[in-house]
Amino acid sequence: MRIISGLPRLDGPARPLFVGTFAYALGRGMYGTGSIVFFTLSFGLSVQQIALALSAAGIAAFCAAVPAGYLADRWGPRPMTIAVTVVQAALLAPMLFSGSSAVVVPLMIVLGAADRVNSIARRTLVSHVMGEATRVRTQAYLRSVANTGMSIGALAVTPLLAVGTRAAFLVLIAVTMAAYVLVAVTTVRLPAESKLTAPPTGTEPTSPEPRAPRPARRRLAAFTTLGLLNGLFALHISILEVGLPLWITKHTDAPAWTVATLAFVNTVLAILLQVPASRGSSTVPGAARALAVSAVFTALACVLFATTAKGTGTLLIATLFLATVVLTVGELLQSAGEWGLSFGLAPANAQGRYIGAFTVGTTVQDIVGPAVVGGVAIAYVPGGWLALAAVFLTGAVLIAPMTRWVSGLHREGRGPEGEKDESPTSATTVRS
């Protein structure tokens, strides 16, 4: 059976990947939507406490990204995914017994770091299990599945929020824990051997040296720099989640319900169009082009948002709708380009550490993005939106030469015999 004409088939490793992704997204959708409401309304945690915990969780995720990649390479992404998902389920257990800030705030911080570790491990797992030919397209399908799971999870928690009791919160936590356990169970069913090309016989691909040679460190640093530029393109996340609601409610005459409607439009388009948007991003040059085009679309969306400051009536709603569609196209292309570069430029036996380093950019966006969007686009009307558009266009110009620079550093490092700690030169299998 195929979900859409093409890859992947819902058999072999694709089936447990899809089931696990849906279960994880369902749990995240329920917990992310419901927990904050319960913590503030039912358990009396202040807005300041919640904000502090979320900020600290973002910082913890930033600190965990690179170590998580190294551990995924050392232990293998499959056992790493299983372990961290079980840990996430266990971390939720104390909330079944207490809702005090002394329990909830530290757990929120640790769960933020664990979620980032899980994301890196699962992306590395997709690369190992699906191989070079299908990993970007599979990741696109998985993102569609994840968006579906998150949406269903958010809807499923609605009746629990309507009840609003301690018992309803316990149901929320229990279902989320069960979803995480299902992820671990389905991951066990995935193959233990990687489809990626391994380094020469006699090396230890899953046990990288504690201190890499200087050229290897330089290439990893360059790769991280490219990831930081990708984090700029990922600013669409803060535009959608923070900028758009604040803009509509503070600087336009659009009704408040427009925010929910546009968020729904974004979600539906992301589910339906992520796979087509990923076409052409399975190669490094194609991924770089996707990121450049994504930046152009996001810049255009910023210009469209700027024009709504003085809009009224049907034209205002139509422009906001069009801007959201354009922003979503930028989002989908950015995701595809991110996967293509992080997979394509990472050595076969160092996928975890390189993917972890690349995600530093999106983690930085998670931490500073809301402040940037709020302090620029919302504070300066309408010039803030135009300033953001100029930044995106600058990034669009830079991405291709930066990608060529990083690709050149990787080619220089392989040499005639390959790099013993990183370079893929042999067809032996790698345990994952």
Protein backbone atom coordinates (compact mmCIF):
# COMPACT_ATOMS: atom_id res chain seq x y z
CA MET A 1 0.00 0.00 0.00
CA ARG A 2 1.21 3.53 -0.80
CA ILE A 3 0.00 6.68 0.86
CA ILE A 4 0.63 8.74 -2.28
CA SER A 5 2.03 7.59 -5.57
CA GLY A 6 5.74 7.20 -4.97
CA LEU A 7 7.64 6.54 -1.79
CA PRO A 8 7.44 5.24 0.81
CA ARG A 9 5.56 1.97 1.07
CA LEU A 10 3.82 1.29 4.36
CA ASP A 11 5.75 -1.90 4.89
CA GLY A 12 9.21 -2.73 6.08
CA PRO A 13 10.80 0.09 8.14
CA ALA A 14 8.34 2.72 6.90
CA ARG A 15 5.42 1.29 8.90
CA PRO A 16 6.97 1.54 12.40
CA LEU A 17 8.47 4.93 11.49
CA PHE A 18 5.04 6.26 10.56
CA VAL A 19 3.27 4.74 13.57
CA GLY A 20 5.94 6.00 15.96
CA THR A 21 5.91 9.49 14.44
CA PHE A 22 2.12 9.71 14.70
CA ALA A 23 2.12 8.47 18.30
CA TYR A 24 4.84 10.92 19.32
CA ALA A 25 3.10 13.85 17.63
CA LEU A 26 -0.22 12.88 19.20
CA GLY A 27 1.36 12.88 22.65
CA ARG A 28 3.13 16.18 22.02
CA GLY A 29 -0.06 17.75 20.67
CA MET A 30 -2.03 16.77 23.77
CA TYR A 31 0.66 17.74 26.27
CA GLY A 32 1.65 20.97 24.51
CA THR A 33 -1.95 22.15 24.16
CA GLY A 34 -3.29 21.07 27.53
CA SER A 35 -0.51 21.20 30.07
CA ILE A 36 0.04 24.97 30.11
CA VAL A 37 -3.67 25.61 30.58
CA PHE A 38 -3.87 23.13 33.45
CA PHE A 39 -0.72 24.49 35.07
CA THR A 40 -1.97 28.09 35.02
CA LEU A 41 -5.71 27.69 35.60
CA SER A 42 -5.96 24.55 37.72
CA PHE A 43 -2.68 24.44 39.62
CA GLY A 44 -2.03 28.13 40.13
CA LEU A 45 1.36 28.48 38.42
CA SER A 46 1.96 32.08 37.43
CA VAL A 47 2.53 33.26 33.89
CA GLN A 48 6.05 34.28 34.93
CA GLN A 49 6.82 30.77 36.19
CA ILE A 50 5.58 29.19 32.97
CA ALA A 51 7.50 31.69 30.82
CA LEU A 52 10.67 31.10 32.82
CA ALA A 53 10.30 27.33 32.50
CA LEU A 54 9.73 27.54 28.73
CA SER A 55 12.74 29.83 28.25
CA ALA A 56 14.92 27.56 30.35
CA ALA A 57 13.65 24.56 28.36
CA GLY A 58 14.75 26.27 25.15
CA ILE A 59 18.20 26.91 26.58
CA ALA A 60 18.42 23.31 27.79
CA ALA A 61 17.47 22.10 24.30
CA PHE A 62 20.21 24.29 22.82
CA CYS A 63 22.81 22.82 25.19
CA ALA A 64 21.64 19.26 24.48
CA ALA A 65 21.71 19.41 20.66
CA VAL A 66 25.37 18.68 19.93
CA PRO A 67 25.90 16.11 22.73
CA ALA A 68 22.75 14.34 21.54
CA GLY A 69 24.23 13.98 18.07
CA TYR A 70 27.44 12.49 19.43
CA LEU A 71 25.48 10.01 21.56
CA ALA A 72 23.34 9.01 18.57
CA ASP A 73 26.53 8.16 16.65
CA ARG A 74 28.11 6.34 19.58
CA TRP A 75 25.10 4.30 20.70
CA GLY A 76 23.20 4.19 17.42
CA PRO A 77 20.03 6.20 16.67
CA ARG A 78 17.66 3.27 17.27
CA PRO A 79 18.63 2.53 20.91
CA MET A 80 19.01 6.25 21.48
CA THR A 81 15.44 6.90 20.32
CA ILE A 82 14.08 4.08 22.43
CA ALA A 83 15.96 5.23 25.54
CA VAL A 84 15.06 8.91 25.34
CA THR A 85 11.38 8.19 24.62
CA VAL A 86 11.16 5.92 27.66
CA VAL A 87 12.85 8.65 29.71
CA GLN A 88 10.28 11.19 28.48
CA ALA A 89 7.43 8.91 29.57
CA ALA A 90 9.10 8.45 32.97
CA LEU A 91 9.58 12.20 33.41
CA LEU A 92 5.83 12.73 33.06
CA ALA A 93 5.06 10.28 35.88
CA PRO A 94 5.71 12.71 38.79
CA MET A 95 3.03 15.00 37.37
CA LEU A 96 0.50 12.28 38.16
CA PHE A 97 1.14 12.89 41.84
CA SER A 98 1.91 16.61 42.08
CA GLY A 99 1.18 19.83 40.21
CA SER A 100 3.28 22.14 42.34
CA SER A 101 5.81 24.48 40.76
CA ALA A 102 8.65 22.68 42.57
CA VAL A 103 7.79 19.57 40.52
CA VAL A 104 6.40 21.01 37.29
CA VAL A 105 8.98 23.71 36.46
CA PRO A 106 12.10 21.46 36.61
CA LEU A 107 10.29 18.74 34.67
CA MET A 108 9.29 21.20 31.94
CA ILE A 109 12.92 22.21 31.55
CA VAL A 110 14.21 18.64 31.33
CA LEU A 111 11.39 17.63 28.98
CA GLY A 112 12.37 20.50 26.66
CA ALA A 113 15.90 19.13 26.41
CA ALA A 114 14.63 15.56 26.01
CA ASP A 115 12.34 16.58 23.16
CA ARG A 116 15.31 18.05 21.26
CA VAL A 117 17.38 14.91 21.88
CA ASN A 118 14.49 12.80 20.62
CA SER A 119 14.13 14.92 17.49
CA ILE A 120 17.82 14.56 16.63
CA ALA A 121 17.84 10.82 17.33
CA ARG A 122 14.74 10.19 15.21
CA ARG A 123 16.00 12.25 12.26
CA THR A 124 19.29 10.36 12.38
CA LEU A 125 17.29 7.13 12.56
CA VAL A 126 15.37 8.03 9.39
CA SER A 127 18.66 8.59 7.58
CA HIS A 128 20.07 5.25 8.74
CA VAL A 129 16.93 3.19 8.14
CA MET A 130 15.77 4.64 4.82
CA GLY A 131 19.14 5.32 3.17
CA GLU A 132 20.27 8.17 0.96
CA ALA A 133 17.77 7.65 -1.86
CA THR A 134 14.55 8.01 0.14
CA ARG A 135 15.35 9.76 3.42
CA VAL A 136 14.33 13.31 2.44
CA ARG A 137 11.05 12.19 0.89
CA THR A 138 10.36 9.91 3.86
CA GLN A 139 11.06 12.79 6.23
CA ALA A 140 8.55 14.87 4.29
CA TYR A 141 5.88 12.19 4.72
CA LEU A 142 6.75 11.95 8.39
CA ARG A 143 6.31 15.69 8.85
CA SER A 144 2.86 15.46 7.29
CA VAL A 145 2.06 12.60 9.65
CA ALA A 146 3.43 14.61 12.58
CA ASN A 147 1.30 17.63 11.72
CA THR A 148 -1.74 15.38 11.54
CA GLY A 149 -0.93 13.82 14.90
CA MET A 150 -0.34 17.20 16.53
CA SER A 151 -3.66 18.50 15.21
CA ILE A 152 -5.58 15.46 16.40
CA GLY A 153 -3.85 15.67 19.78
CA ALA A 154 -4.80 19.32 20.15
CA LEU A 155 -8.43 18.51 19.30
CA ALA A 156 -8.48 15.46 21.58
CA VAL A 157 -7.50 17.52 24.60
CA THR A 158 -10.41 19.96 24.13
CA PRO A 159 -12.95 17.96 26.20
CA LEU A 160 -10.36 17.52 28.95
CA LEU A 161 -9.84 21.28 29.06
CA ALA A 162 -13.61 21.76 29.17
CA VAL A 163 -13.76 19.55 32.28
CA GLY A 164 -10.71 21.23 33.77
CA THR A 165 -10.39 18.98 36.82
CA ARG A 166 -7.40 17.19 38.34
CA ALA A 167 -8.79 13.90 36.99
CA ALA A 168 -8.88 15.32 33.46
CA PHE A 169 -5.24 16.36 33.79
CA LEU A 170 -4.31 12.85 34.94
CA VAL A 171 -5.95 11.44 31.81
CA LEU A 172 -3.94 13.89 29.69
CA ILE A 173 -0.64 12.82 31.28
CA ALA A 174 -1.50 9.10 31.16
CA VAL A 175 -2.42 9.20 27.46
CA THR A 176 0.74 11.16 26.64
CA MET A 177 2.86 8.60 28.52
CA ALA A 178 1.14 5.76 26.67
CA ALA A 179 1.86 7.48 23.33
CA TYR A 180 5.56 7.73 24.19
CA VAL A 181 5.71 4.08 25.22
CA LEU A 182 4.14 3.16 21.85
CA VAL A 183 6.93 5.12 20.12
CA ALA A 184 9.53 3.03 21.95
CA VAL A 185 7.75 -0.22 21.08
CA THR A 186 7.49 0.59 17.38
CA THR A 187 11.12 1.73 17.24
CA VAL A 188 12.22 -1.70 18.51
CA ARG A 189 10.78 -3.16 15.30
CA LEU A 190 13.11 -1.12 13.09
CA PRO A 191 16.20 -2.81 11.60
CA ALA A 192 19.41 -2.64 13.60
CA GLU A 193 21.65 -2.14 10.56
CA SER A 194 22.12 1.09 8.67
CA LYS A 195 21.61 1.48 4.92
CA LEU A 196 24.20 4.25 4.85
CA THR A 197 27.68 3.65 3.53
CA ALA A 198 30.16 3.07 6.30
CA PRO A 199 33.82 4.04 6.74
CA PRO A 200 36.65 1.65 5.92
CA THR A 201 36.93 -1.66 7.72
CA GLY A 202 38.80 -1.39 11.00
CA THR A 203 37.30 1.93 12.07
CA GLU A 204 34.68 2.43 14.78
CA PRO A 205 31.90 4.43 13.11
CA THR A 206 29.57 4.40 16.10
CA SER A 207 32.33 5.40 18.52
CA PRO A 208 33.83 8.66 17.24
CA GLU A 209 37.10 9.85 18.72
CA PRO A 210 36.63 12.12 21.74
CA ARG A 211 38.71 14.81 20.05
CA ALA A 212 38.50 15.00 16.27
CA PRO A 213 41.42 16.24 14.15
CA ARG A 214 41.51 19.98 13.53
CA PRO A 215 40.29 19.80 9.89
CA ALA A 216 37.30 17.71 11.01
CA ARG A 217 36.48 20.23 13.74
CA ARG A 218 36.75 23.04 11.19
CA ARG A 219 34.29 21.27 8.89
CA LEU A 220 31.88 20.70 11.76
CA ALA A 221 32.14 24.38 12.72
CA ALA A 222 31.41 25.40 9.11
CA PHE A 223 28.46 23.01 9.06
CA THR A 224 27.16 24.59 12.29
CA THR A 225 27.45 28.03 10.69
CA LEU A 226 25.32 26.82 7.81
CA GLY A 227 22.82 25.53 10.37
CA LEU A 228 22.69 28.98 11.98
CA LEU A 229 21.78 30.50 8.61
CA ASN A 230 19.07 27.87 8.31
CA GLY A 231 17.86 29.03 11.74
CA LEU A 232 17.32 32.47 10.23
CA PHE A 233 15.09 30.94 7.56
CA ALA A 234 13.23 29.04 10.32
CA LEU A 235 12.10 32.39 11.74
CA HIS A 236 8.81 31.66 9.98
CA ILE A 237 7.97 29.62 13.11
CA SER A 238 7.98 32.71 15.33
CA ILE A 239 6.23 34.76 12.67
CA LEU A 240 3.35 32.29 12.61
CA GLU A 241 3.15 31.47 16.31
CA VAL A 242 3.98 34.88 17.82
CA GLY A 243 4.06 37.59 15.18
CA LEU A 244 0.81 36.83 13.41
CA PRO A 245 -1.43 36.67 16.52
CA LEU A 246 0.10 39.87 17.95
CA TRP A 247 -0.08 41.65 14.60
CA ILE A 248 -3.70 40.78 13.96
CA THR A 249 -4.90 41.71 17.45
CA LYS A 250 -2.81 44.87 17.91
CA HIS A 251 -2.34 46.42 14.47
CA THR A 252 -5.21 45.33 12.22
CA ASP A 253 -8.99 45.56 12.26
CA ALA A 254 -9.36 41.82 11.62
CA PRO A 255 -11.48 39.90 14.15
CA ALA A 256 -9.66 37.73 16.70
CA TRP A 257 -11.03 34.52 15.19
CA THR A 258 -8.87 35.20 12.14
CA VAL A 259 -5.84 34.00 14.13
CA ALA A 260 -7.28 30.51 14.63
CA THR A 261 -8.50 30.33 11.04
CA LEU A 262 -5.09 31.19 9.59
CA ALA A 263 -3.38 28.70 11.92
CA PHE A 264 -5.79 26.05 10.63
CA VAL A 265 -5.01 27.00 7.02
CA ASN A 266 -1.29 26.68 7.73
CA THR A 267 -1.72 23.24 9.31
CA VAL A 268 -3.86 21.86 6.48
CA LEU A 269 -1.47 23.11 3.81
CA ALA A 270 1.51 21.68 5.71
CA ILE A 271 -0.16 18.26 5.84
CA LEU A 272 -1.14 18.26 2.17
CA LEU A 273 1.84 19.94 0.52
CA GLN A 274 4.96 18.97 2.49
CA VAL A 275 5.71 15.95 0.29
CA PRO A 276 5.40 17.81 -3.05
CA ALA A 277 7.47 20.66 -1.57
CA SER A 278 10.31 18.26 -0.79
CA ARG A 279 10.86 17.27 -4.42
CA GLY A 280 14.29 18.28 -5.60
CA SER A 281 15.73 18.64 -2.08
CA SER A 282 17.35 15.20 -1.88
CA THR A 283 20.60 16.61 -3.32
CA VAL A 284 22.75 19.25 -1.66
CA PRO A 285 22.41 21.83 -4.50
CA GLY A 286 18.67 21.19 -4.64
CA ALA A 287 18.35 21.66 -0.89
CA ALA A 288 20.28 24.95 -1.06
CA ARG A 289 17.96 26.18 -3.82
CA ALA A 290 14.93 25.19 -1.73
CA LEU A 291 16.24 27.26 1.20
CA ALA A 292 16.91 30.26 -1.02
CA VAL A 293 13.41 30.11 -2.53
CA SER A 294 11.90 29.61 0.93
CA ALA A 295 13.57 32.83 2.10
CA VAL A 296 12.11 34.70 -0.89
CA PHE A 297 8.61 33.43 -0.09
CA THR A 298 8.96 34.32 3.59
CA ALA A 299 10.18 37.80 2.64
CA LEU A 300 7.16 38.23 0.36
CA ALA A 301 4.89 37.16 3.21
CA CYS A 302 6.45 39.84 5.43
CA VAL A 303 5.74 42.49 2.78
CA LEU A 304 2.14 41.30 2.53
CA PHE A 305 1.70 41.45 6.30
CA ALA A 306 3.07 45.01 6.28
CA THR A 307 0.35 46.09 3.82
CA THR A 308 -2.43 44.98 6.19
CA ALA A 309 -1.70 47.69 8.76
CA LYS A 310 -4.25 49.99 7.14
CA GLY A 311 -6.46 47.39 5.50
CA THR A 312 -10.14 46.91 6.21
CA GLY A 313 -12.96 44.50 5.45
CA THR A 314 -12.74 41.71 2.93
CA LEU A 315 -9.50 42.97 1.39
CA LEU A 316 -7.79 42.80 4.79
CA ILE A 317 -8.89 39.20 5.42
CA ALA A 318 -7.95 38.18 1.86
CA THR A 319 -4.47 39.71 2.20
CA LEU A 320 -3.88 38.01 5.54
CA PHE A 321 -4.98 34.72 4.01
CA LEU A 322 -2.68 35.18 1.01
CA ALA A 323 0.25 36.14 3.26
CA THR A 324 -0.31 33.02 5.38
CA VAL A 325 -0.34 30.80 2.30
CA VAL A 326 2.89 32.40 1.04
CA LEU A 327 4.45 32.03 4.52
CA THR A 328 3.46 28.36 4.56
CA VAL A 329 5.14 27.75 1.20
CA GLY A 330 8.29 29.27 2.67
CA GLU A 331 7.94 26.99 5.71
CA LEU A 332 7.57 23.83 3.63
CA LEU A 333 10.53 24.65 1.38
CA GLN A 334 12.67 25.56 4.39
CA SER A 335 11.92 22.21 6.05
CA ALA A 336 12.79 20.31 2.88
CA GLY A 337 16.00 22.27 2.36
CA GLU A 338 17.00 21.73 5.98
CA TRP A 339 16.63 17.96 5.66
CA GLY A 340 18.50 17.86 2.36
CA LEU A 341 21.49 19.80 3.67
CA SER A 342 21.68 18.17 7.09
CA PHE A 343 21.48 14.68 5.54
CA GLY A 344 23.53 15.33 2.43
CA LEU A 345 26.51 17.11 3.98
CA ALA A 346 26.80 14.86 7.04
CA PRO A 347 29.28 11.94 6.77
CA ALA A 348 27.59 8.54 6.88
CA ASN A 349 28.99 7.49 10.23
CA ALA A 350 28.61 10.93 11.83
CA GLN A 351 25.01 11.71 10.93
CA GLY A 352 24.04 12.25 14.55
CA ARG A 353 26.70 14.78 15.47
CA TYR A 354 26.28 16.75 12.22
CA ILE A 355 22.48 16.77 12.43
CA GLY A 356 22.76 17.82 16.06
CA ALA A 357 25.10 20.65 15.11
CA PHE A 358 22.84 21.73 12.26
CA THR A 359 19.78 21.95 14.54
CA VAL A 360 21.55 24.51 16.71
CA GLY A 361 20.24 27.13 14.30
CA THR A 362 16.59 26.20 14.76
CA THR A 363 17.13 25.96 18.52
CA VAL A 364 18.49 29.52 18.53
CA GLN A 365 15.38 30.54 16.60
CA ASP A 366 13.20 28.93 19.26
CA ILE A 367 14.96 30.98 21.95
CA VAL A 368 15.36 34.41 20.34
CA GLY A 369 12.87 34.27 17.45
CA PRO A 370 9.80 35.43 19.42
CA ALA A 371 11.75 38.40 20.80
CA VAL A 372 13.10 39.31 17.36
CA VAL A 373 9.69 39.19 15.68
CA GLY A 374 8.01 41.02 18.56
CA GLY A 375 10.76 43.62 18.85
CA VAL A 376 10.95 44.32 15.12
CA ALA A 377 7.78 43.51 13.19
CA ILE A 378 5.32 44.31 15.98
CA ALA A 379 7.17 47.26 17.49
CA TYR A 380 7.83 49.14 14.23
CA VAL A 381 4.80 49.46 11.97
CA PRO A 382 5.04 48.68 9.10
CA GLY A 383 8.80 49.12 8.69
CA GLY A 384 9.59 46.17 10.95
CA TRP A 385 8.09 43.72 8.48
CA LEU A 386 10.08 45.28 5.65
CA ALA A 387 13.28 45.02 7.68
CA LEU A 388 12.63 41.31 8.25
CA ALA A 389 11.98 40.88 4.53
CA ALA A 390 15.36 42.45 3.74
CA VAL A 391 17.08 40.07 6.18
CA PHE A 392 15.45 37.05 4.53
CA LEU A 393 16.47 38.22 1.07
CA THR A 394 20.05 38.67 2.27
CA GLY A 395 19.99 35.09 3.55
CA ALA A 396 18.66 33.90 0.19
CA VAL A 397 21.72 35.41 -1.49
CA LEU A 398 24.14 33.86 1.01
CA ILE A 399 22.88 30.27 1.19
CA ALA A 400 24.28 28.99 -2.13
CA PRO A 401 27.88 30.25 -1.67
CA MET A 402 27.88 29.10 1.96
CA THR A 403 26.73 25.65 0.91
CA ARG A 404 29.46 25.45 -1.73
CA TRP A 405 32.01 26.50 0.90
CA VAL A 406 30.94 23.78 3.33
CA SER A 407 30.77 21.19 0.53
CA GLY A 408 34.29 22.14 -0.53
CA LEU A 409 35.62 21.68 2.99
CA HIS A 410 34.11 18.20 3.10
CA ARG A 411 35.61 17.24 -0.26
CA GLU A 412 39.04 18.46 0.85
CA GLY A 413 38.85 16.37 3.99
CA ARG A 414 38.13 13.05 2.30
CA GLY A 415 41.33 12.65 0.32
CA PRO A 416 42.28 9.48 -1.57
CA GLU A 417 41.81 7.14 1.39
CA GLY A 418 38.94 8.86 3.13
CA GLU A 419 38.73 10.20 6.63
CA LYS A 420 38.91 7.45 9.21
CA ASP A 421 36.62 9.15 11.67
CA GLU A 422 34.03 10.53 9.28
CA SER A 423 34.23 9.89 5.57
CA PRO A 424 31.97 7.29 3.88
CA THR A 425 34.07 5.15 1.55
CA SER A 426 32.98 1.56 1.97
CA ALA A 427 29.84 -0.49 1.64
CA THR A 428 29.98 -2.33 4.96
CA THR A 429 26.95 -1.95 7.19
CA VAL A 430 26.81 0.15 10.33
CA ARG A 431 24.97 -0.95 13.44
CA SER A 432 22.30 1.50 14.59
